[in-house]
Amino acid sequence: MKRMIVLLSLTAYTSILMGQTKSSNIALQVKIKDGILEGVNSSGIKIFKGVPFAQPPVGDLRWREPQPVKPWNGIRKADHFGPRAMQLPLFSDMNFRSDGVSEDCLYLNVWTPAKKADDKLPVLVYFYGGGLVAGDGSEYRYDGESMARRGIITVTVNYRLSVFGFFSHPELTKESLHKASGNYGFLDQAAALKWVQQNISAFGGDPGKITIAGESAGSYSVSAQMTSPLSRDIIAGAIGESGSLLGTRPILTLTEAEQQGKQFADSLGVKTLAGLRKLSAQQVLDATKKFRSGGVVIDGYFFPKSPVDIYLAKQQSKVPLMVGWNSEEGNWKSILGKEEPTKDNYIKAVQQLYDVKAAEVLKVYNPATDEEVRAAATDLASDRFIAFSTWRWSDIHAKTGAGNVYRYYYERPRPATRENPTAPVATGAVHSAEIEYAMGNLGTNRVFNWQPDDFLVSQILQSYFEQFIKTGNPNGLGLPEWNAVVPGKPAEVMHINADTRLQTEKFRGRYLTMEKL
């Protein structure tokens, strides 16, 4: 099995390279709706970085819907990444190539292997993770070149974050044509999707074959874009890696979000929206260190109603969905804290978390011995954090959507680091561990001491992504067969590791309990 997949990979890669040497290029200068772009060439892949898809959301455009780009004269260089959205340095695993941090951040990046404009290649639009408070389309792990070498035009998109992307206020609602405020980050994503639909044919792409994908907050974003009337008809397929808006995270009403916004303004000593817009971006960002405001809101515009109600009403995008989560999304210490992992301590911790409902939880997260406590607590932590919401999304869409749902469970732990190759490693796949594997970017991450099986797993997972983006079905030559979820029957789940295999769902009882609670 391993040899077959690796051989296929080498054969495909060689044929791509041969094709590049014989083909006539799409010019590095591409004319789009707003003007002419000049990109760069990377061994046959044309890359256009820092392409504006909306006006800079600064000054009076702070906390407004993204506005159309103003056309430019002459040739605009697209040879470097634009600035990343305003954010605090929260996550050590984010490695940026962006042009600093700025409120002026609405840029996207395109990697295209197309030889001519009418190639009509499938398109992947990838949204980064980071809790809707951090991240950037320039991160190495999201680099689109490896996917482009598989015949897929790849786009990464910046969107507003934190209080700049998710902030409501009564004055904002009043000035809005739609009587809505908040969700500006999601509105940015929707504007980028519209830009892709209108312009991607100039890069050799098919505007009718746009798959959206993302991890963590990017996966939340995929679940969100599938519900919104602004974007759901643009989407041909969706990939969600660990996360959705159909879980336990609170989604605010507009009134609740407006009140939070007023409290945030009060924390700054500012009483009016005009005053808030006069503050520097850094002042606004620094205020979030003490008072975190905003969040996803049912605004009546981007979300006509709650996301779960939209899915239950069969009003989401009717597209195939490839979705899954990792085996160690959360750590057992988030349940037990500083207490030793004994059964008694575990039971006490669950009772503190769930009170009178603890007995129901302990029926399905039930270690028989002290030795099993870490595994049970890890499962509970993972489900509470993000696995349950991802399962629920897949379960509801399988029942109410029109496209097939393919569910995976990612198990591959990262290896030891290059600096300390003999150190103990994680027993499972931690949150975000799969990104470099899925996007074919292990080589961009020099932290870990990648082994042959890591490249094998990357080949398998990236091949599933490739087939799904091209056909709406992840199955392909040399890959373990992956069956879609069938509502009313035990789901079959693809366990992705060096021994990738399809297994009947094991944990439905846990998720049904979580849903009930």
Protein backbone atom coordinates (compact mmCIF):
# COMPACT_ATOMS: atom_id res chain seq x y z
CA MET A 1 0.00 0.00 0.00
CA LYS A 2 2.72 2.49 1.02
CA ARG A 3 4.80 1.77 -2.09
CA MET A 4 1.80 2.16 -4.38
CA ILE A 5 0.91 5.59 -2.99
CA VAL A 6 4.49 6.88 -3.06
CA LEU A 7 4.98 5.58 -6.61
CA LEU A 8 1.80 7.32 -7.72
CA SER A 9 3.02 10.52 -6.10
CA LEU A 10 6.38 10.43 -7.88
CA THR A 11 4.76 9.61 -11.21
CA ALA A 12 2.26 12.45 -10.89
CA TYR A 13 4.95 14.89 -9.80
CA THR A 14 7.21 13.94 -12.72
CA SER A 15 4.40 14.37 -15.23
CA ILE A 16 3.59 17.79 -13.82
CA LEU A 17 7.20 18.89 -14.15
CA MET A 18 7.40 17.57 -17.71
CA GLY A 19 4.22 19.44 -18.56
CA GLN A 20 5.70 22.63 -17.21
CA THR A 21 8.76 22.45 -19.43
CA LYS A 22 6.69 22.05 -22.58
CA SER A 23 3.85 24.45 -21.89
CA SER A 24 3.32 28.09 -22.77
CA ASN A 25 2.78 30.10 -19.60
CA ILE A 26 -0.12 32.22 -18.51
CA ALA A 27 1.63 35.56 -18.51
CA LEU A 28 2.85 36.86 -15.17
CA GLN A 29 0.72 39.90 -15.95
CA VAL A 30 -2.96 39.13 -15.51
CA LYS A 31 -5.82 41.53 -16.21
CA ILE A 32 -8.61 41.31 -13.65
CA LYS A 33 -11.70 43.42 -13.03
CA ASP A 34 -9.80 46.18 -11.18
CA GLY A 35 -6.58 46.38 -13.19
CA ILE A 36 -3.42 44.54 -14.19
CA LEU A 37 -1.45 42.41 -11.71
CA GLU A 38 2.13 41.23 -12.13
CA GLY A 39 3.05 38.14 -10.12
CA VAL A 40 6.12 35.92 -9.83
CA ASN A 41 7.04 32.52 -11.22
CA SER A 42 8.09 29.59 -9.02
CA SER A 43 9.14 26.73 -11.31
CA GLY A 44 6.01 26.96 -13.40
CA ILE A 45 3.60 28.02 -10.66
CA LYS A 46 2.47 31.62 -11.00
CA ILE A 47 2.03 33.35 -7.66
CA PHE A 48 0.16 36.60 -7.07
CA LYS A 49 0.63 37.89 -3.53
CA GLY A 50 -1.02 40.75 -1.68
CA VAL A 51 -3.92 41.20 -4.09
CA PRO A 52 -6.54 43.63 -2.72
CA PHE A 53 -10.10 42.32 -2.74
CA ALA A 54 -11.62 45.27 -0.83
CA GLN A 55 -10.71 48.80 0.17
CA PRO A 56 -8.60 49.20 3.31
CA PRO A 57 -11.08 49.11 6.25
CA VAL A 58 -9.61 52.17 7.94
CA GLY A 59 -10.95 55.52 9.10
CA ASP A 60 -14.67 55.74 8.40
CA LEU A 61 -14.54 52.21 6.90
CA ARG A 62 -13.55 50.69 10.26
CA TRP A 63 -16.45 48.40 11.25
CA ARG A 64 -18.19 48.63 7.90
CA GLU A 65 -18.89 46.01 5.28
CA PRO A 66 -15.89 45.54 2.96
CA GLN A 67 -16.13 48.02 0.11
CA PRO A 68 -15.19 47.26 -3.52
CA VAL A 69 -11.60 47.89 -4.58
CA LYS A 70 -10.94 51.13 -6.42
CA PRO A 71 -9.50 50.28 -9.84
CA TRP A 72 -5.86 51.21 -10.43
CA ASN A 73 -3.97 52.43 -13.46
CA GLY A 74 -0.85 50.78 -14.78
CA ILE A 75 0.60 47.52 -13.43
CA ARG A 76 0.28 46.57 -9.77
CA LYS A 77 3.12 44.41 -8.46
CA ALA A 78 1.83 41.28 -6.69
CA ASP A 79 5.20 39.95 -5.56
CA HIS A 80 4.92 40.15 -1.76
CA PHE A 81 2.34 39.34 0.89
CA GLY A 82 0.20 42.16 2.20
CA PRO A 83 -0.07 43.06 5.88
CA ARG A 84 -1.79 40.70 8.29
CA ALA A 85 -4.84 41.77 10.27
CA MET A 86 -4.45 43.54 13.61
CA GLN A 87 -3.73 40.88 16.25
CA LEU A 88 -1.82 40.18 19.41
CA PRO A 89 1.09 37.66 19.34
CA LEU A 90 -0.94 34.83 20.86
CA PHE A 91 0.24 31.60 19.21
CA SER A 92 3.88 30.54 18.95
CA ASP A 93 3.29 28.18 16.01
CA MET A 94 2.31 30.98 13.61
CA ASN A 95 5.15 31.88 11.24
CA PHE A 96 4.27 34.80 9.00
CA ARG A 97 5.69 36.12 5.74
CA SER A 98 3.32 39.09 5.73
CA ASP A 99 4.25 42.75 5.43
CA GLY A 100 3.76 43.56 9.11
CA VAL A 101 0.51 44.09 11.03
CA SER A 102 -2.01 46.66 9.87
CA GLU A 103 -5.68 47.54 9.89
CA ASP A 104 -5.20 47.71 6.11
CA CYS A 105 -5.25 43.93 5.70
CA LEU A 106 -7.82 42.84 3.12
CA TYR A 107 -5.57 41.01 0.68
CA LEU A 108 -5.51 37.53 -0.81
CA ASN A 109 -2.90 35.35 -2.51
CA VAL A 110 -3.23 33.16 -5.60
CA TRP A 111 -1.11 30.18 -6.70
CA THR A 112 -2.00 28.98 -10.20
CA PRO A 113 -0.54 26.17 -12.35
CA ALA A 114 -2.75 27.08 -15.32
CA LYS A 115 -1.11 27.24 -18.71
CA LYS A 116 -3.86 29.31 -20.29
CA ALA A 117 -6.80 31.36 -19.11
CA ASP A 118 -9.43 28.90 -20.34
CA ASP A 119 -8.02 25.87 -18.47
CA LYS A 120 -10.95 26.06 -16.00
CA LEU A 121 -9.04 24.48 -13.14
CA PRO A 122 -10.73 23.76 -9.80
CA VAL A 123 -10.18 26.32 -7.06
CA LEU A 124 -9.42 25.96 -3.35
CA VAL A 125 -10.04 28.97 -1.08
CA TYR A 126 -8.46 28.39 2.34
CA PHE A 127 -9.32 30.30 5.53
CA TYR A 128 -6.69 30.32 8.27
CA GLY A 129 -7.27 29.37 11.90
CA GLY A 130 -6.46 31.25 15.07
CA GLY A 131 -9.65 31.58 17.09
CA LEU A 132 -10.87 34.54 14.99
CA VAL A 133 -8.24 36.60 16.84
CA ALA A 134 -5.00 35.64 15.06
CA GLY A 135 -3.60 34.14 11.86
CA ASP A 136 -2.74 35.14 8.31
CA GLY A 137 -2.84 33.88 4.74
CA SER A 138 0.95 34.19 4.46
CA GLU A 139 1.72 31.43 7.00
CA TYR A 140 4.03 28.75 5.62
CA ARG A 141 1.67 25.91 6.53
CA TYR A 142 -1.03 27.33 4.23
CA ASP A 143 1.30 27.88 1.27
CA GLY A 144 -0.55 27.04 -1.93
CA GLU A 145 2.29 25.89 -4.17
CA SER A 146 2.06 22.18 -3.33
CA MET A 147 -1.68 22.12 -4.06
CA ALA A 148 -1.11 24.10 -7.26
CA ARG A 149 1.30 21.41 -8.43
CA ARG A 150 -1.64 19.02 -8.24
CA GLY A 151 -3.63 21.11 -10.71
CA ILE A 152 -5.60 23.19 -8.21
CA ILE A 153 -5.61 26.98 -8.10
CA THR A 154 -5.14 27.81 -4.42
CA VAL A 155 -6.17 31.04 -2.72
CA THR A 156 -5.53 32.17 0.86
CA VAL A 157 -7.59 35.02 2.25
CA ASN A 158 -7.03 37.59 4.98
CA TYR A 159 -9.99 38.72 7.07
CA ARG A 160 -10.43 41.10 10.01
CA LEU A 161 -9.89 39.62 13.44
CA SER A 162 -10.69 40.23 17.09
CA VAL A 163 -12.54 43.47 17.83
CA PHE A 164 -11.92 44.74 14.29
CA GLY A 165 -13.65 41.73 12.75
CA PHE A 166 -16.30 40.92 15.32
CA PHE A 167 -17.76 43.98 17.02
CA SER A 168 -21.30 45.30 17.36
CA HIS A 169 -22.58 48.61 18.63
CA PRO A 170 -26.00 50.30 18.54
CA GLU A 171 -24.61 53.13 16.38
CA LEU A 172 -23.11 50.64 13.93
CA THR A 173 -26.45 48.88 13.61
CA LYS A 174 -28.24 52.21 13.10
CA GLU A 175 -25.92 53.40 10.31
CA SER A 176 -25.98 50.05 8.49
CA LEU A 177 -28.17 49.73 5.40
CA HIS A 178 -29.02 46.25 6.67
CA LYS A 179 -29.56 47.30 10.30
CA ALA A 180 -26.86 44.85 11.32
CA SER A 181 -23.44 45.02 12.94
CA GLY A 182 -20.69 42.56 13.75
CA ASN A 183 -19.40 39.61 11.69
CA TYR A 184 -17.10 41.88 9.66
CA GLY A 185 -14.53 39.10 9.44
CA PHE A 186 -17.11 36.79 7.88
CA LEU A 187 -18.22 39.59 5.56
CA ASP A 188 -14.58 39.92 4.45
CA GLN A 189 -14.49 36.22 3.62
CA ALA A 190 -17.74 36.51 1.66
CA ALA A 191 -16.34 39.49 -0.27
CA ALA A 192 -13.21 37.48 -1.08
CA LEU A 193 -15.33 34.59 -2.36
CA LYS A 194 -17.25 37.00 -4.58
CA TRP A 195 -13.91 38.38 -5.83
CA VAL A 196 -12.72 34.86 -6.64
CA GLN A 197 -15.95 34.09 -8.46
CA GLN A 198 -15.59 37.24 -10.58
CA ASN A 199 -11.85 37.11 -11.26
CA ILE A 200 -10.48 33.57 -11.00
CA SER A 201 -11.08 32.78 -14.68
CA ALA A 202 -8.29 35.26 -15.49
CA PHE A 203 -5.92 32.94 -13.60
CA GLY A 204 -7.19 29.84 -15.43
CA GLY A 205 -9.76 28.88 -12.81
CA ASP A 206 -13.35 27.70 -12.95
CA PRO A 207 -15.66 30.10 -11.05
CA GLY A 208 -18.22 27.31 -10.81
CA LYS A 209 -15.85 24.96 -9.01
CA ILE A 210 -14.79 26.75 -5.83
CA THR A 211 -14.16 24.61 -2.76
CA ILE A 212 -13.71 26.38 0.56
CA ALA A 213 -11.64 24.93 3.39
CA GLY A 214 -10.16 25.87 6.72
CA GLU A 215 -8.89 24.64 10.08
CA SER A 216 -10.17 25.59 13.54
CA ALA A 217 -11.49 29.17 13.17
CA GLY A 218 -11.10 28.57 9.44
CA SER A 219 -13.37 25.56 9.80
CA TYR A 220 -15.86 27.66 11.80
CA SER A 221 -15.69 30.05 8.87
CA VAL A 222 -16.48 27.29 6.36
CA SER A 223 -19.54 26.27 8.38
CA ALA A 224 -20.55 29.94 8.52
CA GLN A 225 -20.11 30.70 4.80
CA MET A 226 -22.23 27.66 3.96
CA THR A 227 -25.17 29.25 5.79
CA SER A 228 -25.02 32.82 4.56
CA PRO A 229 -27.08 34.04 1.59
CA LEU A 230 -24.07 36.22 0.72
CA SER A 231 -21.83 33.27 -0.10
CA ARG A 232 -23.57 29.91 -0.01
CA ASP A 233 -24.40 29.85 -3.73
CA ILE A 234 -20.76 30.50 -4.70
CA ILE A 235 -19.52 27.32 -3.03
CA ALA A 236 -19.17 23.98 -4.87
CA GLY A 237 -17.66 21.98 -2.00
CA ALA A 238 -16.48 22.41 1.58
CA ILE A 239 -13.72 20.99 3.79
CA GLY A 240 -13.78 21.47 7.55
CA GLU A 241 -10.82 20.60 9.75
CA SER A 242 -11.72 20.70 13.45
CA GLY A 243 -14.51 23.09 14.21
CA SER A 244 -17.94 24.47 13.39
CA LEU A 245 -20.47 26.97 14.70
CA LEU A 246 -22.90 24.17 15.55
CA GLY A 247 -21.35 23.32 18.89
CA THR A 248 -21.15 24.75 22.39
CA ARG A 249 -19.63 28.14 21.64
CA PRO A 250 -22.12 30.94 22.34
CA ILE A 251 -23.52 32.84 19.38
CA LEU A 252 -24.76 36.23 20.49
CA THR A 253 -28.00 37.92 19.63
CA LEU A 254 -27.57 41.36 18.10
CA THR A 255 -28.80 43.00 21.31
CA GLU A 256 -26.29 41.06 23.41
CA ALA A 257 -23.47 41.92 21.03
CA GLU A 258 -24.41 45.61 21.00
CA GLN A 259 -24.34 45.73 24.79
CA GLN A 260 -20.88 44.13 24.80
CA GLY A 261 -19.79 46.73 22.28
CA LYS A 262 -21.01 49.57 24.49
CA GLN A 263 -19.14 48.06 27.45
CA PHE A 264 -15.97 47.86 25.34
CA ALA A 265 -16.34 51.52 24.36
CA ASP A 266 -16.86 52.42 28.02
CA SER A 267 -13.65 50.59 28.91
CA LEU A 268 -11.85 52.97 26.56
CA GLY A 269 -13.63 56.01 27.94
CA VAL A 270 -15.26 56.64 24.56
CA LYS A 271 -19.00 57.27 24.26
CA THR A 272 -19.53 57.55 20.50
CA LEU A 273 -18.77 55.55 17.39
CA ALA A 274 -17.02 58.58 15.89
CA GLY A 275 -14.74 58.60 18.92
CA LEU A 276 -13.97 54.91 18.54
CA ARG A 277 -13.04 55.41 14.89
CA LYS A 278 -10.64 58.22 15.82
CA LEU A 279 -8.61 55.93 18.08
CA SER A 280 -5.51 54.36 16.59
CA ALA A 281 -5.75 50.71 15.63
CA GLN A 282 -3.12 49.89 18.26
CA GLN A 283 -5.18 51.60 20.98
CA VAL A 284 -8.22 49.54 20.06
CA LEU A 285 -6.20 46.33 19.90
CA ASP A 286 -4.46 46.95 23.22
CA ALA A 287 -7.84 47.43 24.89
CA THR A 288 -8.70 43.82 24.09
CA LYS A 289 -6.03 42.68 26.54
CA LYS A 290 -8.29 43.79 29.38
CA PHE A 291 -11.77 43.63 27.87
CA ARG A 292 -12.46 41.15 25.13
CA SER A 293 -15.45 42.29 23.11
CA GLY A 294 -17.33 40.86 20.23
CA GLY A 295 -17.92 37.44 18.78
CA VAL A 296 -20.08 35.72 16.23
CA VAL A 297 -23.53 37.35 16.21
CA ILE A 298 -26.90 36.53 14.68
CA ASP A 299 -27.05 39.88 12.92
CA GLY A 300 -30.03 39.31 10.62
CA TYR A 301 -27.87 39.95 7.56
CA PHE A 302 -24.90 37.61 7.23
CA PHE A 303 -26.80 35.19 9.47
CA PRO A 304 -30.56 35.57 8.86
CA LYS A 305 -30.98 33.26 11.87
CA SER A 306 -28.79 30.99 13.95
CA PRO A 307 -26.43 28.71 11.97
CA VAL A 308 -27.87 25.52 13.47
CA ASP A 309 -31.40 26.60 12.55
CA ILE A 310 -30.26 27.29 8.99
CA TYR A 311 -28.81 23.78 8.70
CA LEU A 312 -31.87 22.17 10.27
CA ALA A 313 -34.09 24.09 7.83
CA LYS A 314 -32.05 22.78 4.86
CA GLN A 315 -31.08 26.31 3.85
CA GLN A 316 -27.29 25.82 3.77
CA SER A 317 -25.13 25.24 0.69
CA LYS A 318 -26.19 21.97 -0.92
CA VAL A 319 -22.64 20.76 -1.47
CA PRO A 320 -20.45 17.78 -0.54
CA LEU A 321 -18.60 18.15 2.77
CA MET A 322 -15.34 16.52 3.83
CA VAL A 323 -14.97 17.03 7.56
CA GLY A 324 -13.14 15.68 10.59
CA TRP A 325 -11.12 16.29 13.70
CA ASN A 326 -7.96 15.14 15.47
CA SER A 327 -7.50 12.50 18.13
CA GLU A 328 -6.07 14.87 20.76
CA GLU A 329 -7.80 18.20 20.20
CA GLY A 330 -7.71 18.91 23.93
CA ASN A 331 -5.42 17.96 26.80
CA TRP A 332 -6.50 15.97 29.84
CA LYS A 333 -5.13 18.70 32.10
CA SER A 334 -7.89 21.06 30.95
CA ILE A 335 -10.27 18.74 32.83
CA LEU A 336 -8.13 17.82 35.82
CA GLY A 337 -6.03 20.94 36.15
CA LYS A 338 -3.15 20.34 38.54
CA GLU A 339 -4.74 17.24 40.07
CA GLU A 340 -3.22 13.81 39.52
CA PRO A 341 -4.97 11.68 36.86
CA THR A 342 -6.73 9.30 39.25
CA LYS A 343 -10.27 8.05 38.86
CA ASP A 344 -11.41 9.81 42.04
CA ASN A 345 -9.95 13.13 40.93
CA TYR A 346 -11.48 12.71 37.50
CA ILE A 347 -14.96 12.06 38.90
CA LYS A 348 -14.69 15.13 41.13
CA ALA A 349 -13.60 17.25 38.18
CA VAL A 350 -16.52 16.08 36.02
CA GLN A 351 -18.94 16.73 38.88
CA GLN A 352 -17.61 20.28 39.19
CA LEU A 353 -18.04 20.83 35.47
CA TYR A 354 -21.48 19.28 35.05
CA ASP A 355 -23.08 19.27 38.52
CA VAL A 356 -26.33 17.24 38.42
CA LYS A 357 -25.62 16.12 34.84
CA ALA A 358 -22.27 14.60 35.76
CA ALA A 359 -23.68 11.07 35.98
CA GLU A 360 -24.75 11.22 32.32
CA VAL A 361 -21.29 12.38 31.28
CA LEU A 362 -19.57 9.67 33.31
CA LYS A 363 -21.59 6.99 31.55
CA VAL A 364 -19.83 7.71 28.25
CA TYR A 365 -16.52 9.18 29.42
CA ASN A 366 -15.93 6.41 31.92
CA PRO A 367 -12.40 5.22 32.80
CA ALA A 368 -12.40 1.85 34.54
CA THR A 369 -9.02 2.38 36.19
CA ASP A 370 -6.57 5.15 37.05
CA GLU A 371 -4.54 4.16 34.01
CA GLU A 372 -7.47 5.01 31.73
CA VAL A 373 -8.11 8.45 33.20
CA ARG A 374 -5.80 10.39 30.90
CA ALA A 375 -7.46 8.93 27.80
CA ALA A 376 -10.98 9.59 29.09
CA ALA A 377 -10.14 13.14 30.15
CA THR A 378 -8.46 13.78 26.78
CA ASP A 379 -11.59 12.60 24.98
CA LEU A 380 -13.80 14.82 27.12
CA ALA A 381 -11.51 17.82 26.70
CA SER A 382 -11.35 17.28 22.93
CA ASP A 383 -15.09 16.95 22.55
CA ARG A 384 -15.84 19.98 24.71
CA PHE A 385 -13.34 22.10 22.81
CA ILE A 386 -14.03 21.28 19.18
CA ALA A 387 -14.67 17.63 18.25
CA PHE A 388 -18.36 17.65 19.19
CA SER A 389 -19.13 20.74 17.14
CA THR A 390 -17.42 19.18 14.12
CA TRP A 391 -19.30 15.89 14.55
CA ARG A 392 -22.62 17.72 14.88
CA TRP A 393 -21.97 19.69 11.70
CA SER A 394 -21.24 16.50 9.78
CA ASP A 395 -24.24 14.73 11.30
CA ILE A 396 -26.75 17.49 10.54
CA HIS A 397 -25.43 18.20 7.03
CA ALA A 398 -25.59 14.48 6.19
CA LYS A 399 -29.30 14.61 7.07
CA THR A 400 -30.26 17.97 5.59
CA GLY A 401 -27.75 18.69 2.83
CA ALA A 402 -27.83 17.53 -0.78
CA GLY A 403 -24.16 16.51 -1.05
CA ASN A 404 -22.32 13.55 0.43
CA VAL A 405 -20.54 13.90 3.76
CA TYR A 406 -17.14 12.24 4.23
CA ARG A 407 -15.99 12.07 7.84
CA TYR A 408 -12.39 11.55 8.99
CA TYR A 409 -10.55 11.06 12.28
CA TYR A 410 -6.94 12.19 12.13
CA GLU A 411 -4.57 10.17 14.32
CA ARG A 412 -1.00 10.91 13.26
CA PRO A 413 1.06 12.41 16.14
CA ARG A 414 3.76 14.84 15.15
CA PRO A 415 7.28 13.41 15.54
CA ALA A 416 9.91 14.76 17.92
CA THR A 417 11.52 18.10 17.16
CA ARG A 418 14.75 18.36 15.20
CA GLU A 419 16.45 19.97 18.20
CA ASN A 420 15.49 17.13 20.54
CA PRO A 421 14.73 14.02 18.46
CA THR A 422 14.73 11.66 21.46
CA ALA A 423 12.21 13.64 23.54
CA PRO A 424 8.76 12.13 24.25
CA VAL A 425 6.11 13.03 21.69
CA ALA A 426 2.35 13.45 21.89
CA THR A 427 0.34 10.25 22.00
CA GLY A 428 -2.25 11.65 19.62
CA ALA A 429 -2.73 14.27 16.92
CA VAL A 430 -3.00 17.62 18.67
CA HIS A 431 -5.08 20.55 17.44
CA SER A 432 -3.81 21.91 14.07
CA ALA A 433 -1.31 19.03 13.64
CA GLU A 434 -2.78 17.99 10.28
CA ILE A 435 -2.45 21.28 8.39
CA GLU A 436 1.05 20.79 6.93
CA TYR A 437 0.14 17.22 6.00
CA ALA A 438 -3.10 18.20 4.25
CA MET A 439 -1.57 21.07 2.30
CA GLY A 440 1.62 19.20 1.41
CA ASN A 441 3.80 21.57 3.40
CA LEU A 442 5.85 19.40 5.77
CA GLY A 443 8.98 20.80 4.17
CA THR A 444 8.07 24.34 5.21
CA ASN A 445 8.09 23.38 8.91
CA ARG A 446 11.65 22.87 10.15
CA VAL A 447 10.66 22.40 13.78
CA PHE A 448 9.82 18.70 13.55
CA ASN A 449 12.00 15.74 12.61
CA TRP A 450 9.73 14.37 9.88
CA GLN A 451 9.96 10.65 9.18
CA PRO A 452 9.08 8.63 6.05
CA ASP A 453 5.68 7.74 7.52
CA ASP A 454 4.92 11.44 7.96
CA PHE A 455 5.42 12.00 4.25
CA LEU A 456 3.28 8.94 3.55
CA VAL A 457 0.45 10.32 5.69
CA SER A 458 0.80 13.70 3.98
CA GLN A 459 0.58 12.04 0.58
CA ILE A 460 -2.59 10.20 1.60
CA LEU A 461 -4.34 13.17 3.18
CA GLN A 462 -3.35 15.63 0.47
CA SER A 463 -4.51 13.16 -2.18
CA TYR A 464 -7.90 12.94 -0.50
CA PHE A 465 -8.07 16.74 -0.51
CA GLU A 466 -7.06 16.84 -4.16
CA GLN A 467 -9.67 14.32 -5.30
CA PHE A 468 -12.41 15.99 -3.25
CA ILE A 469 -11.61 19.46 -4.64
CA LYS A 470 -11.56 18.14 -8.20
CA THR A 471 -14.57 15.81 -8.05
CA GLY A 472 -16.51 16.31 -4.80
CA ASN A 473 -15.44 12.78 -3.82
CA PRO A 474 -12.16 12.03 -1.98
CA ASN A 475 -11.68 8.59 -3.52
CA GLY A 476 -8.92 8.05 -6.03
CA LEU A 477 -6.46 5.53 -7.43
CA GLY A 478 -4.19 4.01 -4.77
CA LEU A 479 -6.17 5.38 -1.81
CA PRO A 480 -8.16 3.38 0.76
CA GLU A 481 -11.82 3.51 -0.25
CA TRP A 482 -13.81 6.10 1.68
CA ASN A 483 -17.59 5.69 1.99
CA ALA A 484 -19.90 8.63 2.60
CA VAL A 485 -21.99 8.95 5.76
CA VAL A 486 -25.45 7.40 5.34
CA PRO A 487 -28.08 8.97 7.63
CA GLY A 488 -29.76 6.42 9.86
CA LYS A 489 -26.86 3.96 9.65
CA PRO A 490 -23.64 3.73 11.70
CA ALA A 491 -21.25 6.14 10.03
CA GLU A 492 -18.04 4.92 8.45
CA VAL A 493 -15.08 7.12 9.38
CA MET A 494 -11.70 7.31 7.66
CA HIS A 495 -8.95 6.99 10.29
CA ILE A 496 -5.97 8.75 8.79
CA ASN A 497 -2.51 7.55 9.81
CA ALA A 498 0.29 5.46 8.34
CA ASP A 499 -2.26 2.60 8.39
CA THR A 500 -5.17 4.65 7.02
CA ARG A 501 -8.37 2.60 7.13
CA LEU A 502 -12.15 2.94 7.19
CA GLN A 503 -13.86 2.05 10.47
CA THR A 504 -17.40 2.16 11.79
CA GLU A 505 -18.02 5.14 14.06
CA LYS A 506 -17.00 4.43 17.66
CA PHE A 507 -18.01 7.50 19.61
CA ARG A 508 -21.58 8.37 18.60
CA GLY A 509 -22.82 7.81 22.15
CA ARG A 510 -20.46 10.52 23.42
CA TYR A 511 -21.66 13.05 20.90
CA LEU A 512 -25.34 12.27 21.44
CA THR A 513 -24.80 12.83 25.15
CA MET A 514 -23.01 16.10 24.46
CA GLU A 515 -25.83 17.17 22.16
CA LYS A 516 -28.41 16.35 24.82
CA LEU A 517 -26.52 18.35 27.45
